[in-house]
Amino acid sequence: MYRLLMTQVFRRIDPELAHHLGFGLIRLVAALPGIGRLLRSRLAPTDPALRVHALGLDLPGPLGLAAGFDKDALGPDALTALGFGFVEVGTVTADPQPGNQRPRLFRLPADRALVNRMGFNNAGAAAASQRLRARPAGAAPVGVNIGKTKVVPEREAVSDYVASARQLADVAGYLVVNVSSPNTPGLRNLQAVEHLRPLLTAVRGALHRPGQRRVPLLVKIAPDLADPDVDAVADLALELGLDGIIATNTTIRRDGLRSPEAEVAALGAGGLSGSPLADRSLEVLRRLRARVGDRLVLVGVGGIETAEDAWERIQAGATLVQAYTGFIYGGPFWPRKINRGLLRLARESGHATLAEAIASSRARQD
């Protein structure tokens, strides 16, 4: 049914408008009396064999929704009701900003991919913090992804990230420093170790609140980093005592696509996500695992469409996996399908639980 809607209805609607309509419908349905509870009972991962402990959090499953879908923390609980074990909201900036000029989101159906140049459109850190603070007690953990405000010059980036971190420290299950989006001028320059070290050090300091829960800190990197730069970021993360790395963000590359070259070129600049990203994201994940071992939590994201894709990331060293484009193309029942598939694959490999399968994978790699 969803595939029919995707091919016959949504494809005729501007992708950004379709996103707002679809997300609005998810929130509306989940808010109806009794419906949210019913959705959660039918779709959310409830089998204890799927549970994962990572980043100091007990998660009902390893599959999370990547940043970019819920930029303003409008509906993380509606999304977890569909089957995501956790949701990462954002990217959030210290100040509200409209993002780049529309159109800024495009589909490549032949590649099951998206191109976006959204530009961190969001209502700002204070608004996100207020929404997250209003969630009911006991709600599923939410990660928060923070980025640089566009108008802030690169030399003031550290203070800008710190401002966001301070606003969000007490409501974030974990915090992610995003220095890898291609859609904010100069942002990727911050991945260079000489810029990244003071940035991460300052954010880590902003999250330190005596007597309060320690907020896990991760960094999200681009698939377009050269291998030596991936190693350098991994080494830095270990040096600074970070909790994890998310691999990877979108790519600026356009090679190997099925879509006609002229069609792709007409879309212009932006980050490519979805199936074409899978191979490089997996390469980066494996490289990180070889570099850091089990000293950091690795989150695999990029081109995950099937349970087998997610399982491959876990076997390659990821403790958690995330998706965005796979969800867009797969529909509202896609998270449940992935969770069931992961449980099946874990049991076919001779393990009673997914956590046991993850531990076994780590032991083999070590």
Protein backbone atom coordinates (compact mmCIF):
# COMPACT_ATOMS: atom_id res chain seq x y z
CA MET A 1 0.00 0.00 0.00
CA TYR A 2 2.73 2.45 0.97
CA ARG A 3 4.72 1.65 -2.18
CA LEU A 4 1.62 2.45 -4.26
CA LEU A 5 1.22 5.76 -2.43
CA MET A 6 4.92 6.52 -2.88
CA THR A 7 4.91 5.86 -6.62
CA GLN A 8 1.51 7.28 -7.49
CA VAL A 9 0.93 10.09 -4.99
CA PHE A 10 4.00 11.26 -3.06
CA ARG A 11 6.23 11.33 -6.13
CA ARG A 12 3.92 13.99 -7.60
CA ILE A 13 4.30 16.20 -4.52
CA ASP A 14 7.30 18.36 -3.68
CA PRO A 15 9.49 16.15 -1.43
CA GLU A 16 9.71 18.68 1.38
CA LEU A 17 5.94 19.19 1.40
CA ALA A 18 5.43 15.42 1.32
CA HIS A 19 7.75 15.12 4.32
CA HIS A 20 5.81 17.69 6.33
CA LEU A 21 2.47 16.08 5.42
CA GLY A 22 3.69 12.58 6.23
CA PHE A 23 5.33 13.54 9.51
CA GLY A 24 2.30 15.58 10.48
CA LEU A 25 0.07 12.57 9.85
CA ILE A 26 2.33 10.33 11.97
CA ARG A 27 2.11 12.81 14.86
CA LEU A 28 -1.65 13.22 14.48
CA VAL A 29 -2.38 9.49 14.47
CA ALA A 30 -0.05 8.84 17.42
CA ALA A 31 -1.77 11.61 19.42
CA LEU A 32 -5.27 10.13 19.04
CA PRO A 33 -6.55 8.67 22.33
CA GLY A 34 -5.50 5.05 22.59
CA ILE A 35 -3.98 4.95 19.09
CA GLY A 36 -0.44 5.79 20.17
CA ARG A 37 -0.55 2.97 22.72
CA LEU A 38 -1.93 0.60 20.08
CA LEU A 39 0.78 1.57 17.59
CA ARG A 40 3.45 1.01 20.18
CA SER A 41 2.07 -2.40 21.13
CA ARG A 42 1.97 -3.50 17.48
CA LEU A 43 5.04 -1.83 15.98
CA ALA A 44 7.55 -0.94 18.70
CA PRO A 45 10.23 -3.52 19.57
CA THR A 46 9.00 -5.32 22.68
CA ASP A 47 10.98 -8.56 22.45
CA PRO A 48 13.67 -8.48 25.18
CA ALA A 49 16.01 -10.27 22.77
CA LEU A 50 16.32 -7.03 20.76
CA ARG A 51 17.39 -4.87 23.69
CA VAL A 52 20.77 -3.14 23.52
CA HIS A 53 22.71 -1.22 26.16
CA ALA A 54 24.83 1.55 24.64
CA LEU A 55 25.93 5.07 25.60
CA GLY A 56 24.66 4.41 29.10
CA LEU A 57 21.16 3.93 27.71
CA ASP A 58 18.90 0.89 27.73
CA LEU A 59 17.33 0.79 24.28
CA PRO A 60 14.48 -1.48 23.15
CA GLY A 61 16.29 -2.08 19.85
CA PRO A 62 19.40 -1.02 17.94
CA LEU A 63 17.61 0.74 15.07
CA GLY A 64 17.39 4.51 15.39
CA LEU A 65 16.07 7.29 13.18
CA ALA A 66 18.94 9.47 11.99
CA ALA A 67 19.03 13.24 12.37
CA GLY A 68 17.32 15.21 9.64
CA PHE A 69 13.83 13.74 9.80
CA ASP A 70 12.67 15.47 13.00
CA LYS A 71 14.73 18.63 12.98
CA ASP A 72 12.83 20.40 15.75
CA ALA A 73 11.95 17.59 18.18
CA LEU A 74 8.33 17.81 17.10
CA GLY A 75 7.48 14.13 17.42
CA PRO A 76 10.15 11.75 18.70
CA ASP A 77 7.62 9.75 20.69
CA ALA A 78 5.37 9.28 17.66
CA LEU A 79 8.40 7.97 15.76
CA THR A 80 9.46 5.52 18.46
CA ALA A 81 5.88 4.22 18.40
CA LEU A 82 6.56 3.08 14.83
CA GLY A 83 9.42 0.86 15.98
CA PHE A 84 12.56 2.97 16.28
CA GLY A 85 14.54 2.16 19.39
CA PHE A 86 15.68 5.77 19.62
CA VAL A 87 15.42 8.99 17.63
CA GLU A 88 18.10 11.57 16.94
CA VAL A 89 16.60 15.02 16.46
CA GLY A 90 18.17 17.98 14.67
CA THR A 91 20.39 19.22 13.32
CA VAL A 92 19.75 21.99 15.87
CA THR A 93 21.62 25.30 15.84
CA ALA A 94 22.05 27.82 18.63
CA ASP A 95 19.84 30.37 16.86
CA PRO A 96 16.76 29.77 14.71
CA GLN A 97 17.40 29.85 10.97
CA PRO A 98 15.31 29.25 7.85
CA GLY A 99 17.84 27.11 6.00
CA ASN A 100 18.61 27.32 2.32
CA GLN A 101 16.30 28.50 -0.42
CA ARG A 102 13.67 26.06 -1.71
CA PRO A 103 13.54 23.69 -3.49
CA ARG A 104 16.15 21.95 -1.38
CA LEU A 105 15.08 18.30 -1.15
CA PHE A 106 14.97 15.96 -4.14
CA ARG A 107 14.27 12.29 -4.86
CA LEU A 108 16.26 9.91 -7.04
CA PRO A 109 13.85 6.94 -7.12
CA ALA A 110 15.97 4.88 -9.51
CA ASP A 111 18.72 4.92 -6.87
CA ARG A 112 16.42 4.87 -3.83
CA ALA A 113 18.26 8.01 -2.80
CA LEU A 114 17.68 11.61 -1.77
CA VAL A 115 19.62 14.80 -2.36
CA ASN A 116 19.21 17.57 0.17
CA ARG A 117 20.64 20.99 0.77
CA MET A 118 18.32 21.92 3.62
CA GLY A 119 20.90 24.02 5.45
CA PHE A 120 19.99 23.22 9.06
CA ASN A 121 16.53 24.79 8.94
CA ASN A 122 15.29 24.71 12.53
CA ALA A 123 13.71 26.77 15.30
CA GLY A 124 16.84 26.88 17.43
CA ALA A 125 18.23 25.14 20.48
CA ALA A 126 15.95 26.84 23.00
CA ALA A 127 12.80 25.69 21.20
CA ALA A 128 14.08 22.12 20.87
CA SER A 129 15.05 22.07 24.53
CA GLN A 130 11.60 23.26 25.58
CA ARG A 131 9.85 20.55 23.55
CA LEU A 132 12.09 17.79 24.85
CA ARG A 133 11.67 18.98 28.42
CA ALA A 134 7.89 18.70 28.05
CA ARG A 135 7.99 14.99 27.17
CA PRO A 136 6.45 12.56 29.65
CA ALA A 137 8.65 10.88 32.22
CA GLY A 138 10.00 7.55 31.08
CA ALA A 139 9.86 8.40 27.38
CA ALA A 140 12.41 6.78 25.08
CA PRO A 141 15.88 8.39 24.95
CA VAL A 142 16.39 11.07 22.31
CA GLY A 143 19.75 12.04 20.88
CA VAL A 144 20.33 15.63 19.80
CA ASN A 145 22.47 16.55 16.82
CA ILE A 146 23.94 20.08 16.90
CA GLY A 147 25.53 22.15 14.15
CA LYS A 148 26.88 25.59 13.40
CA THR A 149 24.55 28.52 12.83
CA LYS A 150 25.09 29.60 9.22
CA VAL A 151 25.70 33.31 9.89
CA VAL A 152 28.28 32.58 12.58
CA PRO A 153 31.81 32.89 11.16
CA GLU A 154 34.05 29.84 11.38
CA ARG A 155 36.29 31.51 13.97
CA GLU A 156 33.29 31.73 16.33
CA ALA A 157 32.06 28.18 15.72
CA VAL A 158 33.22 26.85 19.09
CA SER A 159 31.15 29.32 21.10
CA ASP A 160 28.15 28.66 18.83
CA TYR A 161 28.27 24.89 19.43
CA VAL A 162 28.82 25.46 23.14
CA ALA A 163 25.69 27.63 23.31
CA SER A 164 23.62 24.79 21.83
CA ALA A 165 25.21 22.20 24.10
CA ARG A 166 24.37 24.20 27.22
CA GLN A 167 20.75 24.58 26.14
CA LEU A 168 20.33 20.88 25.45
CA ALA A 169 22.54 19.14 28.02
CA ASP A 170 19.76 18.30 30.45
CA VAL A 171 17.33 16.91 27.84
CA ALA A 172 19.62 14.94 25.52
CA GLY A 173 20.05 11.20 25.91
CA TYR A 174 23.27 11.82 24.00
CA LEU A 175 24.68 14.73 22.00
CA VAL A 176 26.22 14.64 18.52
CA VAL A 177 28.55 17.28 17.10
CA ASN A 178 27.79 17.51 13.39
CA VAL A 179 30.77 18.81 11.43
CA SER A 180 30.02 16.83 8.30
CA SER A 181 26.99 18.28 6.54
CA PRO A 182 27.89 19.63 3.09
CA ASN A 183 25.14 22.26 3.22
CA THR A 184 26.60 24.86 5.61
CA PRO A 185 29.54 26.76 4.12
CA GLY A 186 32.82 25.95 5.85
CA LEU A 187 31.30 23.35 8.19
CA ARG A 188 33.32 20.41 6.90
CA ASN A 189 36.52 22.35 7.52
CA LEU A 190 35.85 21.70 11.20
CA GLN A 191 36.56 17.98 10.68
CA ALA A 192 40.26 18.80 10.43
CA VAL A 193 41.82 17.75 13.71
CA GLU A 194 43.34 21.16 14.44
CA HIS A 195 39.82 22.66 14.38
CA LEU A 196 37.98 19.67 15.78
CA ARG A 197 40.08 19.31 18.95
CA PRO A 198 39.17 22.70 20.50
CA LEU A 199 35.57 22.33 19.37
CA LEU A 200 35.02 18.92 20.97
CA THR A 201 36.97 19.90 24.07
CA ALA A 202 34.75 22.95 24.58
CA VAL A 203 31.50 21.04 24.00
CA ARG A 204 32.62 18.30 26.37
CA GLY A 205 33.27 20.98 28.98
CA ALA A 206 29.82 22.51 28.42
CA LEU A 207 28.19 19.15 29.05
CA HIS A 208 29.99 18.64 32.36
CA ARG A 209 27.53 19.46 35.13
CA PRO A 210 28.67 18.45 38.62
CA GLY A 211 26.16 16.18 40.29
CA GLN A 212 24.23 15.62 37.06
CA ARG A 213 24.11 12.70 34.62
CA ARG A 214 27.05 12.56 32.24
CA VAL A 215 25.81 13.23 28.69
CA PRO A 216 27.47 10.96 26.10
CA LEU A 217 29.18 12.91 23.31
CA LEU A 218 29.64 11.68 19.75
CA VAL A 219 30.92 13.19 16.51
CA LYS A 220 29.40 12.57 13.08
CA ILE A 221 31.78 12.36 10.15
CA ALA A 222 31.50 12.52 6.37
CA PRO A 223 32.00 9.57 4.03
CA ASP A 224 34.12 11.85 1.85
CA LEU A 225 36.97 12.02 4.37
CA ALA A 226 40.17 10.45 3.12
CA ASP A 227 41.17 7.32 5.03
CA PRO A 228 44.05 9.03 6.90
CA ASP A 229 41.60 11.72 8.04
CA VAL A 230 39.17 9.07 9.27
CA ASP A 231 42.04 7.62 11.31
CA ALA A 232 42.92 11.06 12.67
CA VAL A 233 39.35 11.70 13.84
CA ALA A 234 39.24 8.25 15.45
CA ASP A 235 42.49 8.92 17.29
CA LEU A 236 41.22 12.30 18.44
CA ALA A 237 37.96 10.81 19.70
CA LEU A 238 39.96 8.36 21.81
CA GLU A 239 42.32 11.07 23.04
CA LEU A 240 39.45 13.31 24.18
CA GLY A 241 37.40 10.52 25.73
CA LEU A 242 34.43 10.80 23.41
CA ASP A 243 31.74 8.15 23.65
CA GLY A 244 31.28 7.36 19.99
CA ILE A 245 31.40 8.17 16.30
CA ILE A 246 28.53 8.18 13.80
CA ALA A 247 29.58 6.95 10.37
CA THR A 248 28.48 8.51 8.13
CA ASN A 249 26.72 11.66 6.98
CA THR A 250 25.67 12.31 3.36
CA THR A 251 28.12 12.46 0.47
CA ILE A 252 28.83 15.09 -2.17
CA ARG A 253 29.85 12.39 -4.66
CA ARG A 254 27.58 11.45 -7.55
CA ASP A 255 29.41 8.56 -9.19
CA GLY A 256 27.83 5.16 -9.84
CA LEU A 257 24.22 6.35 -9.92
CA ARG A 258 21.51 4.72 -12.04
CA SER A 259 19.69 8.01 -12.54
CA PRO A 260 20.52 9.86 -15.79
CA GLU A 261 23.53 12.13 -15.39
CA ALA A 262 21.61 15.15 -16.69
CA GLU A 263 18.83 14.58 -14.15
CA VAL A 264 21.33 14.38 -11.30
CA ALA A 265 23.23 17.47 -12.48
CA ALA A 266 20.00 19.46 -12.71
CA LEU A 267 19.38 18.96 -8.98
CA GLY A 268 22.53 20.90 -8.12
CA ALA A 269 24.55 20.77 -4.93
CA GLY A 270 23.63 18.90 -1.78
CA GLY A 271 24.23 15.77 0.23
CA LEU A 272 23.32 12.42 -1.29
CA SER A 273 21.81 9.80 1.02
CA GLY A 274 20.39 6.34 0.54
CA SER A 275 21.49 3.19 -1.20
CA PRO A 276 24.47 4.67 -3.15
CA LEU A 277 26.11 5.59 0.17
CA ALA A 278 26.13 2.06 1.56
CA ASP A 279 29.53 0.82 0.37
CA ARG A 280 31.58 3.82 1.49
CA SER A 281 29.77 4.10 4.82
CA LEU A 282 30.52 0.45 5.49
CA GLU A 283 34.19 0.98 4.55
CA VAL A 284 34.47 3.89 6.98
CA LEU A 285 32.78 1.88 9.73
CA ARG A 286 35.17 -1.02 9.28
CA ARG A 287 38.14 1.34 9.31
CA LEU A 288 36.94 2.95 12.52
CA ARG A 289 36.41 -0.42 14.16
CA ALA A 290 39.95 -1.49 13.25
CA ARG A 291 41.26 1.76 14.72
CA VAL A 292 39.27 2.09 17.95
CA GLY A 293 38.28 -1.48 18.76
CA ASP A 294 35.52 -1.55 21.35
CA ARG A 295 36.67 1.61 23.11
CA LEU A 296 34.02 3.73 21.36
CA VAL A 297 30.41 3.11 20.40
CA LEU A 298 30.14 3.10 16.62
CA VAL A 299 26.84 3.99 14.97
CA GLY A 300 26.43 2.77 11.40
CA VAL A 301 24.29 4.87 9.08
CA GLY A 302 24.10 5.38 5.33
CA GLY A 303 22.33 3.20 2.79
CA ILE A 304 20.63 0.83 5.23
CA GLU A 305 17.52 -0.54 3.52
CA THR A 306 17.17 -4.12 4.73
CA ALA A 307 17.71 -6.13 7.88
CA GLU A 308 20.69 -7.69 6.12
CA ASP A 309 22.19 -4.21 5.63
CA ALA A 310 21.75 -3.45 9.33
CA TRP A 311 23.17 -6.85 10.31
CA GLU A 312 26.22 -6.24 8.11
CA ARG A 313 26.90 -2.99 10.00
CA ILE A 314 26.62 -4.79 13.31
CA GLN A 315 28.99 -7.49 12.10
CA ALA A 316 31.38 -4.73 10.95
CA GLY A 317 31.53 -3.12 14.39
CA ALA A 318 28.42 -1.01 14.89
CA THR A 319 26.55 -1.31 18.17
CA LEU A 320 23.71 0.86 16.88
CA VAL A 321 22.41 1.59 13.39
CA GLN A 322 20.42 4.49 12.02
CA ALA A 323 18.42 5.17 8.88
CA TYR A 324 16.53 7.99 7.23
CA THR A 325 16.22 7.44 3.48
CA GLY A 326 15.39 3.75 3.92
CA PHE A 327 12.46 4.84 6.12
CA ILE A 328 11.28 7.36 3.51
CA TYR A 329 11.19 4.72 0.80
CA GLY A 330 10.10 1.89 3.09
CA GLY A 331 7.18 3.51 4.89
CA PRO A 332 5.75 3.44 8.41
CA PHE A 333 6.00 -0.35 8.85
CA TRP A 334 9.64 -0.42 7.75
CA PRO A 335 11.16 -0.18 11.29
CA ARG A 336 9.17 -3.22 12.43
CA LYS A 337 10.36 -5.14 9.37
CA ILE A 338 14.00 -4.31 10.15
CA ASN A 339 13.65 -5.23 13.81
CA ARG A 340 12.08 -8.59 13.00
CA GLY A 341 14.74 -9.27 10.41
CA LEU A 342 17.54 -8.48 12.83
CA LEU A 343 16.09 -10.81 15.44
CA ARG A 344 15.80 -13.56 12.83
CA LEU A 345 19.40 -13.06 11.67
CA ALA A 346 20.70 -13.09 15.24
CA ARG A 347 18.94 -16.38 15.96
CA GLU A 348 20.05 -17.90 12.65
CA SER A 349 23.62 -17.11 13.71
CA GLY A 350 23.10 -19.15 16.87
CA HIS A 351 22.47 -16.31 19.34
CA ALA A 352 19.53 -15.97 21.67
CA THR A 353 19.71 -12.16 21.75
CA LEU A 354 21.01 -9.34 19.62
CA ALA A 355 23.26 -8.19 22.45
CA GLU A 356 24.84 -11.64 22.47
CA ALA A 357 25.37 -11.44 18.70
CA ILE A 358 27.01 -8.01 19.05
CA ALA A 359 29.34 -9.29 21.78
CA SER A 360 30.24 -12.32 19.67
CA SER A 361 31.03 -10.08 16.70
CA ARG A 362 33.33 -7.93 18.85
CA ALA A 363 35.15 -11.00 20.16
CA ARG A 364 35.80 -12.25 16.62
CA GLN A 365 37.11 -8.87 15.49
CA ASP A 366 39.41 -8.59 18.48
